[in-house]
Structures are given as structure tokens and as C-alpha cells.
Protein backbone atom coordinates (compact mmCIF):
# COMPACT_ATOMS: atom_id res chain seq x y z
CA MET A 1 62.24 160.11 100.71
CA LYS A 2 63.50 161.18 104.08
CA ASN A 3 64.69 158.40 106.39
CA ARG A 4 62.01 155.92 105.38
CA HIS A 5 63.92 153.05 106.91
CA ALA A 6 65.73 154.81 109.75
CA ALA A 7 64.31 152.20 112.13
CA ALA A 8 66.64 149.70 110.49
CA LEU A 9 69.52 151.42 112.26
CA ASP A 10 68.35 150.22 115.66
CA ASP A 11 66.43 147.12 116.67
CA SER A 12 66.01 147.98 120.33
CA ILE A 13 62.58 148.27 121.93
CA VAL A 14 63.78 151.14 124.10
CA PRO A 15 64.20 154.31 122.01
CA PRO A 16 67.88 155.28 121.80
CA PRO A 17 69.14 158.70 122.91
CA ALA A 18 68.67 161.39 120.29
CA PRO A 19 71.70 161.59 117.98
CA THR A 20 72.07 165.30 118.68
CA THR A 21 72.16 164.54 122.41
CA LEU A 22 74.91 161.95 121.93
CA LEU A 23 76.98 164.33 119.82
CA GLN A 24 76.42 167.28 122.15
CA SER A 25 77.44 165.26 125.20
CA ALA A 26 80.73 164.36 123.50
CA THR A 27 81.35 167.83 122.08
CA SER A 28 80.52 169.73 125.25
CA LEU A 29 83.22 167.86 127.15
CA ALA A 30 85.89 169.17 124.78
CA GLN A 31 84.31 172.48 123.77
CA SER A 32 87.11 174.70 125.09
CA GLU A 33 89.68 172.55 123.27
CA LEU A 34 87.61 172.65 120.07
CA ASP A 35 87.51 176.44 120.31
CA SER A 36 91.29 176.42 120.59
CA VAL A 37 91.52 174.12 117.56
CA ASN A 38 89.40 176.52 115.54
CA HIS A 39 91.66 179.40 116.55
CA ALA A 40 94.72 177.36 115.57
CA ILE A 41 93.15 176.61 112.19
CA GLN A 42 92.51 180.29 111.56
CA ARG A 43 96.10 181.19 112.44
CA ARG A 44 97.71 178.41 110.44
CA ILE A 45 95.70 178.89 107.28
CA ALA A 46 97.23 182.36 106.94
CA SER A 47 98.99 183.01 103.63
CA ASP A 48 99.97 186.08 101.66
CA ILE A 49 98.17 184.49 98.70
CA ALA A 50 94.60 185.79 98.81
CA LEU A 51 93.07 182.82 96.98
CA ILE A 52 94.54 180.37 99.50
CA ARG A 53 93.08 182.35 102.39
CA THR A 54 89.69 182.71 100.72
CA LEU A 55 89.25 179.18 99.39
CA GLY A 56 90.77 177.55 102.46
CA ALA A 57 88.51 179.48 104.81
CA TYR A 58 85.49 178.69 102.64
CA ILE A 59 85.89 174.93 102.91
CA ILE A 60 87.11 174.83 106.53
CA GLN A 61 84.26 177.03 107.74
CA SER A 62 81.58 175.21 105.77
CA GLY A 63 79.83 173.56 108.69
CA GLY A 64 81.80 170.39 109.42
CA LYS A 65 81.36 168.85 112.85
CA ARG A 66 85.11 168.48 113.48
CA LEU A 67 84.54 164.82 114.36
CA ARG A 68 88.10 163.68 113.68
CA PRO A 69 89.68 166.45 115.76
CA LEU A 70 87.12 165.68 118.47
CA VAL A 71 88.20 162.02 118.52
CA LEU A 72 91.82 163.09 118.95
CA LEU A 73 91.01 165.53 121.75
CA LEU A 74 88.90 163.01 123.66
CA SER A 75 91.47 160.24 123.22
CA ALA A 76 94.22 162.46 124.58
CA LYS A 77 92.14 163.55 127.56
CA ALA A 78 91.11 159.95 128.22
CA GLY A 79 94.83 159.32 128.69
CA ASP A 80 95.04 162.25 131.14
CA TYR A 81 97.06 164.39 128.73
CA HIS A 82 97.99 167.85 130.09
CA GLY A 83 100.02 169.42 127.28
CA ASP A 84 98.86 171.40 124.26
CA TYR A 85 100.08 169.33 121.32
CA HIS A 86 96.61 167.79 121.08
CA ILE A 87 95.30 171.18 119.92
CA MET A 88 97.85 171.50 117.13
CA LEU A 89 97.47 167.87 116.04
CA ALA A 90 93.68 168.23 115.95
CA ALA A 91 94.17 171.19 113.59
CA VAL A 92 96.56 169.03 111.53
CA ILE A 93 93.90 166.34 111.26
CA GLU A 94 91.33 168.90 110.09
CA PHE A 95 93.74 170.28 107.48
CA LEU A 96 94.39 166.77 106.15
CA HIS A 97 90.67 166.02 106.08
CA THR A 98 89.92 169.29 104.28
CA ALA A 99 92.64 168.63 101.72
CA THR A 100 91.13 165.24 100.93
CA LEU A 101 87.69 166.84 100.50
CA LEU A 102 89.07 169.38 98.04
CA HIS A 103 90.73 166.63 96.01
CA ASP A 104 87.71 164.31 96.31
CA ASP A 105 85.34 166.90 94.92
CA VAL A 106 87.57 167.44 91.90
CA VAL A 107 87.87 163.70 91.20
CA ASP A 108 84.12 163.18 91.66
CA ALA A 109 83.15 166.41 89.86
CA SER A 110 80.94 167.20 92.86
CA ALA A 111 78.90 170.40 92.92
CA MET A 112 77.66 170.36 96.53
CA ARG A 113 79.12 169.44 99.91
CA ARG A 114 77.77 170.21 103.37
CA GLY A 115 74.86 172.02 101.76
CA ARG A 116 77.07 174.51 99.90
CA ALA A 117 78.62 174.72 96.46
CA THR A 118 81.95 172.91 96.41
CA ALA A 119 85.16 174.91 96.11
CA ASN A 120 85.88 173.44 92.68
CA HIS A 121 82.40 174.50 91.54
CA VAL A 122 83.10 178.08 92.67
CA TRP A 123 86.82 178.53 91.91
CA GLY A 124 87.58 175.70 89.50
CA ASN A 125 89.49 172.43 89.70
CA GLU A 126 92.96 173.91 89.43
CA ALA A 127 92.57 176.19 92.43
CA SER A 128 90.96 173.44 94.52
CA VAL A 129 93.76 170.95 93.87
CA LEU A 130 96.49 173.49 94.59
CA VAL A 131 94.90 174.76 97.81
CA GLY A 132 94.45 171.14 98.86
CA ASP A 133 98.19 170.68 98.31
CA PHE A 134 98.84 173.77 100.42
CA LEU A 135 96.80 172.35 103.29
CA TYR A 136 98.67 169.04 103.08
CA SER A 137 102.06 170.77 103.21
CA ARG A 138 100.96 173.09 106.01
CA ALA A 139 99.78 170.08 108.00
CA PHE A 140 103.19 168.41 107.70
CA GLU A 141 104.90 171.66 108.61
CA MET A 142 102.83 171.78 111.80
CA MET A 143 103.32 168.15 112.79
CA LEU A 144 107.10 168.62 112.72
CA GLU A 145 106.71 170.97 115.67
CA THR A 146 105.84 168.03 117.91
CA ASN A 147 109.36 166.63 117.39
CA ASN A 148 107.80 163.20 117.87
CA MET A 149 108.81 160.56 115.34
CA GLU A 150 105.88 158.28 116.18
CA VAL A 151 103.43 161.11 115.51
CA MET A 152 105.10 161.81 112.16
CA ARG A 153 105.18 158.10 111.29
CA ILE A 154 101.46 157.72 111.96
CA LEU A 155 100.50 160.79 109.96
CA ALA A 156 102.79 159.93 107.04
CA ALA A 157 101.36 156.40 106.89
CA THR A 158 97.85 157.80 107.14
CA THR A 159 98.23 160.19 104.21
CA ASN A 160 99.73 157.39 102.12
CA ALA A 161 96.83 155.09 102.98
CA ILE A 162 94.27 157.78 102.11
CA ALA A 163 95.92 158.33 98.73
CA GLU A 164 95.90 154.59 98.11
CA GLY A 165 92.22 154.46 99.02
CA GLU A 166 91.47 157.22 96.54
CA VAL A 167 93.26 155.33 93.78
CA MET A 168 91.49 152.09 94.72
CA GLN A 169 88.13 153.86 94.57
CA LEU A 170 89.01 155.26 91.16
CA LEU A 171 89.97 151.80 89.91
CA HIS A 172 86.69 150.33 91.14
CA ALA A 173 84.49 153.15 89.84
CA HIS A 174 81.80 151.86 87.46
CA SER A 175 82.82 148.28 88.30
CA PRO A 176 79.85 146.11 89.32
CA ASP A 177 82.25 143.25 90.05
CA THR A 178 83.63 144.99 93.15
CA THR A 179 83.42 142.62 96.11
CA GLU A 180 82.37 143.50 99.64
CA HIS A 181 85.91 142.78 100.82
CA ALA A 182 87.40 145.14 98.24
CA TYR A 183 84.91 147.85 99.12
CA LEU A 184 85.68 147.60 102.83
CA GLN A 185 89.37 147.93 102.03
CA ILE A 186 88.64 151.12 100.10
CA ILE A 187 86.66 152.80 102.86
CA ARG A 188 89.06 151.70 105.58
CA ARG A 189 91.87 153.48 103.76
CA LYS A 190 89.97 156.40 102.30
CA THR A 191 87.67 157.26 105.23
CA ALA A 192 88.35 155.25 108.37
CA LYS A 193 92.13 155.67 108.36
CA LEU A 194 91.98 159.31 109.47
CA PHE A 195 89.65 158.38 112.34
CA GLU A 196 92.13 155.65 113.28
CA ALA A 197 95.03 158.11 113.27
CA SER A 198 93.06 160.63 115.33
CA ALA A 199 92.34 158.16 118.12
CA GLN A 200 95.83 156.66 118.01
CA LEU A 201 97.56 160.04 118.19
CA GLY A 202 95.63 160.94 121.31
CA ALA A 203 97.00 157.82 122.98
CA VAL A 204 100.54 158.36 121.70
CA ILE A 205 100.94 161.92 122.98
CA SER A 206 99.50 160.92 126.36
CA ASP A 207 102.18 158.23 126.66
CA GLN A 208 99.80 155.29 126.77
CA PRO A 209 101.27 151.77 126.55
CA PRO A 210 101.34 150.09 123.12
CA SER A 211 98.30 147.97 123.96
CA VAL A 212 96.17 151.05 124.62
CA CYS A 213 97.51 152.82 121.53
CA ALA A 214 96.52 149.78 119.45
CA ALA A 215 93.09 149.62 121.10
CA LEU A 216 92.38 153.26 120.35
CA ALA A 217 93.57 152.82 116.77
CA ALA A 218 91.08 149.95 116.44
CA TYR A 219 88.38 152.16 117.94
CA GLY A 220 88.99 154.83 115.32
CA LEU A 221 89.08 152.36 112.45
CA HIS A 222 85.75 150.78 113.45
CA LEU A 223 84.21 154.19 114.13
CA GLY A 224 85.20 155.57 110.74
CA THR A 225 83.91 152.45 108.98
CA ALA A 226 80.55 152.76 110.75
CA PHE A 227 80.28 156.40 109.69
CA GLN A 228 80.96 155.56 106.05
CA LEU A 229 78.48 152.68 105.95
CA ILE A 230 75.73 154.95 107.29
CA ASP A 231 76.71 157.51 104.65
CA ASP A 232 76.18 154.74 102.08
CA ILE A 233 72.62 154.37 103.35
CA PHE A 234 72.07 158.13 103.29
CA ASP A 235 72.71 158.14 99.54
CA TYR A 236 69.41 156.28 99.17
CA GLN A 237 67.14 157.47 101.94
CA ALA A 238 68.17 160.84 103.37
CA ASP A 239 67.21 164.38 102.46
CA SER A 240 69.89 166.41 100.65
CA ARG A 241 69.43 169.12 103.28
CA ASP A 242 70.43 166.61 105.96
CA ILE A 243 73.46 165.08 104.25
CA GLY A 244 74.73 168.23 102.53
CA LYS A 245 74.93 166.65 99.08
CA ASN A 246 72.52 165.43 96.45
CA VAL A 247 70.80 162.12 97.14
CA GLY A 248 71.96 159.59 94.56
CA ASP A 249 75.40 161.16 94.08
CA ASP A 250 77.20 157.88 94.74
CA LEU A 251 75.07 156.13 92.15
CA ALA A 252 75.61 158.94 89.65
CA GLU A 253 79.36 158.62 90.14
CA GLY A 254 79.26 154.87 89.55
CA LYS A 255 80.48 154.03 93.06
CA PRO A 256 79.72 150.40 93.96
CA THR A 257 78.86 151.01 97.62
CA LEU A 258 77.78 148.27 100.02
CA PRO A 259 74.01 148.55 99.35
CA LEU A 260 74.63 148.03 95.63
CA ILE A 261 77.09 145.20 96.21
CA HIS A 262 74.58 143.41 98.44
CA ALA A 263 71.75 144.00 95.95
CA LEU A 264 73.87 142.54 93.16
CA LYS A 265 74.52 139.43 95.22
CA HIS A 266 70.95 138.83 96.36
CA GLY A 267 68.76 140.27 93.61
CA ASN A 268 67.08 138.28 90.88
CA ARG A 269 68.47 138.29 87.35
CA ARG A 270 66.48 141.35 86.26
CA GLN A 271 67.50 143.29 89.37
CA GLN A 272 71.14 142.31 88.96
CA GLN A 273 71.15 143.50 85.37
CA ALA A 274 69.57 146.83 86.36
CA VAL A 275 72.09 147.45 89.13
CA ARG A 276 75.04 146.44 86.97
CA HIS A 277 73.92 148.78 84.23
CA ALA A 278 73.39 151.64 86.69
CA ILE A 279 76.87 151.23 88.18
CA GLU A 280 78.53 150.96 84.79
CA ASN A 281 76.78 154.06 83.46
CA GLY A 282 76.22 156.15 86.59
CA GLU A 283 72.50 156.45 85.98
CA ARG A 284 71.01 158.96 88.40
CA GLU A 285 67.83 158.96 86.31
CA LYS A 286 67.34 155.31 87.33
CA PHE A 287 67.53 156.24 91.03
CA GLU A 288 63.95 155.27 91.90
CA GLU A 289 64.32 151.87 90.24
CA ILE A 290 67.62 151.18 92.00
CA LEU A 291 66.20 152.41 95.31
CA ALA A 292 63.36 149.90 95.00
CA ILE A 293 65.88 147.14 94.34
CA VAL A 294 68.16 147.91 97.29
CA GLU A 295 65.09 148.04 99.52
CA SER A 296 63.55 144.79 98.28
CA THR A 297 66.82 142.87 98.56
CA GLY A 298 67.37 144.01 102.14
CA ALA A 299 70.55 145.85 101.14
CA LEU A 300 69.89 148.90 103.32
CA ALA A 301 69.08 146.78 106.36
CA TYR A 302 72.20 144.69 105.74
CA THR A 303 74.39 147.79 105.48
CA ALA A 304 72.84 149.17 108.68
CA GLU A 305 73.59 145.90 110.47
CA GLN A 306 77.21 145.99 109.32
CA ALA A 307 77.48 149.56 110.60
CA LYS A 308 76.09 148.46 113.97
CA LEU A 309 78.69 145.70 114.17
CA GLN A 310 81.42 148.25 113.52
CA SER A 311 80.02 150.58 116.17
CA ARG A 312 79.93 147.76 118.72
CA ALA A 313 83.49 146.76 117.84
CA ALA A 314 84.58 150.38 118.38
CA ILE A 315 82.99 150.43 121.83
CA GLU A 316 84.51 147.07 122.74
CA SER A 317 87.95 148.41 121.80
CA LEU A 318 87.61 151.00 124.56
CA ALA A 319 87.76 148.30 127.24
CA ALA A 320 91.48 149.01 127.41
CA LEU A 321 90.79 152.54 128.69
CA ALA A 322 90.26 153.46 132.32
CA GLN A 323 86.77 154.70 133.15
CA SER A 324 86.39 158.46 132.68
CA PRO A 325 83.96 161.03 131.22
CA TYR A 326 86.18 161.11 128.13
CA LYS A 327 85.83 157.37 127.60
CA ASN A 328 82.06 157.80 127.89
CA ALA A 329 82.20 160.56 125.28
CA LEU A 330 84.05 158.24 122.89
CA ILE A 331 81.32 155.64 123.46
CA HIS A 332 78.69 158.28 122.69
CA LEU A 333 80.43 159.06 119.39
CA ALA A 334 80.30 155.39 118.43
CA GLU A 335 76.58 155.33 119.26
CA TYR A 336 76.05 158.56 117.35
CA SER A 337 77.74 157.11 114.26
CA ILE A 338 74.82 154.77 113.63
CA GLN A 339 71.93 156.66 115.24
CA ARG A 340 72.31 159.86 113.23
CA GLY A 341 69.95 158.30 110.69
CA HIS A 342 67.00 158.71 113.10
């Protein structure tokens, strides 16, 4: 079932650039800074508690692409930033992201992430939650070093929004009555908010005017939303080796993602009943039946189209930036967000 409808992600006659090429072009531009971020992460995760060092290193070194730190680095360089706070803040962003993953996996009872056993599966829920708390507190300890109230305001608001998104997702779990609007609010807080903060922080530390800071925040929000919508599609049509988790996990967890919401709205009575029952009961064993329904109702194509709209909105937000290789790299990330399904 690998990428059977990947073509839905692009309707152009001309083949798009390979996703790996788009990502590499963006990453290569900031590779030295990314190396410095990785060094900062290794230094700052240090603790005299062995379990913190071991578990923290396990999850941080588990193959993530460092997309959020990359967005921050590119945004700062697009504003002609010449200091070094962007390195530390990129590490802060990665710590916050890693903390949310640790907590997410406990809440979702996940057993695999990024192709490896989750930390809670290896060390247990208690250790995962507590190390996640350590990473949160270490991140705030680091951000204080910037002595920049706007930076601290953005990051404090971001962590609050992420927590709210987690609670909203919990409240809507196993609820087939979740609307598209409610779902978008969940993912904008839970997933897209950290992308938004990453892009906005790059503009703030490079002393960009408020209009540019707002434009880059919008870029990050649209970019993060596009990423999550494509992840929604991956739950139905990707290979677990590609997405690093089991296909059908969202369904098994009773998450009413956009493909299911669309199928519920446009399916016939029998299809609606099947989808409702699957969401309410988290029926992974009904995966093939639900997959057939989301395909026949056009739910995957609809979700892909919504992701493309978000990607385009992200690119349009960059009009406020002066032309530079770093602006081009941010554009490539927006293109990559929807083409990684190919």
C-alpha cells in the first residue's frame, strides 16, 4: 500500500523536483549552523542523572530531520542575522519538540516513532514524562540567556498553545462529530504552532519590522499545517518504513483526522456508519474497509488539496522578505512539505 495516490499531491504536468532534492537544497545552505545546533543539543542535554542522558539522547538522535530548527536558522539568515543566538534558539526549539514527542507517545500509547521503539516502550511512561519535563525546563533555562522578552513571550505562548492542542486532541479522541474547523484548530496549536514560532523567532532576533515578523509567523503556521495534513494522508497510504510509525495508527487511536472527517461528510449512510464506528472504537482491524471509504469519497485527494493550499499560502507569506538564497530555501521547504509523498 505504498503511495498509491501520491499523484494526488501534485496536479502539474511537469514533474516536480524530487522531495529529497528540495530538502537537501534547504539543508545544505544551513549545514554548518545545523552542525552547531547538534553540538549545542549534546552539550545542553548533559545531566548527572544517567537516565536523563540516555533517554534524552535516544529520542533526540533518533533520525529527525530538524525541520523546525532549520526553519529558524533560515529565517534568521534571511534577515541577515550575524549573531549566534539562532543556534541556541534552534536547540531550544528541538528540545521543546522532543519533549512534546515524549509526552505524545505516552498519551497515545505509541510503540514506534521514526522507525524505532518509542522511549516509553523501552523505559516506561514515568521515565518518558519526566525526561520530557526536563527537556521543557532546560529549554526555558536556555531561552533566558537571550535576555529578550519578545523571544520569551513567543516561546511561552507557544508551549501554552501546544499544551492546549494536546488537550483539545484528547477531548476530540473517538469523537466522529469533530468538525473540520475544530480539527484545524487542533493541528494549528499542536503541530503548526512550533513551526510558526521557529520562523517568527528568526525574524525577531534579526530585528525585522513587525510586518516581516508577522509574515514569517504566517509562513510557519501554514507550513506546519501542510506538513500535518500530509501526515494525515500517510496514515492511509504510506509504508511504515517511510513514515517511521505503523500505518493506521491514527485510526487505531480514534483520531478524527481530515480524511475521516471528509469521508463522514461525503460518504453514503453505510460508509458513514462504518467510519463513525471505527473512530469511536479505534478499529485498526477495519483499516482496509476504512481505506476503501476514504479513497472512494475523495477524502485523500481533498486532504492533499488542502495541504497544497497551505503550502501556497506559506510561499505567498514570504513576499515580505527580500530576495536571497535563504528565502529560496524557505520556499523549497514549503514545496517539500507536500511533495514528500512522491
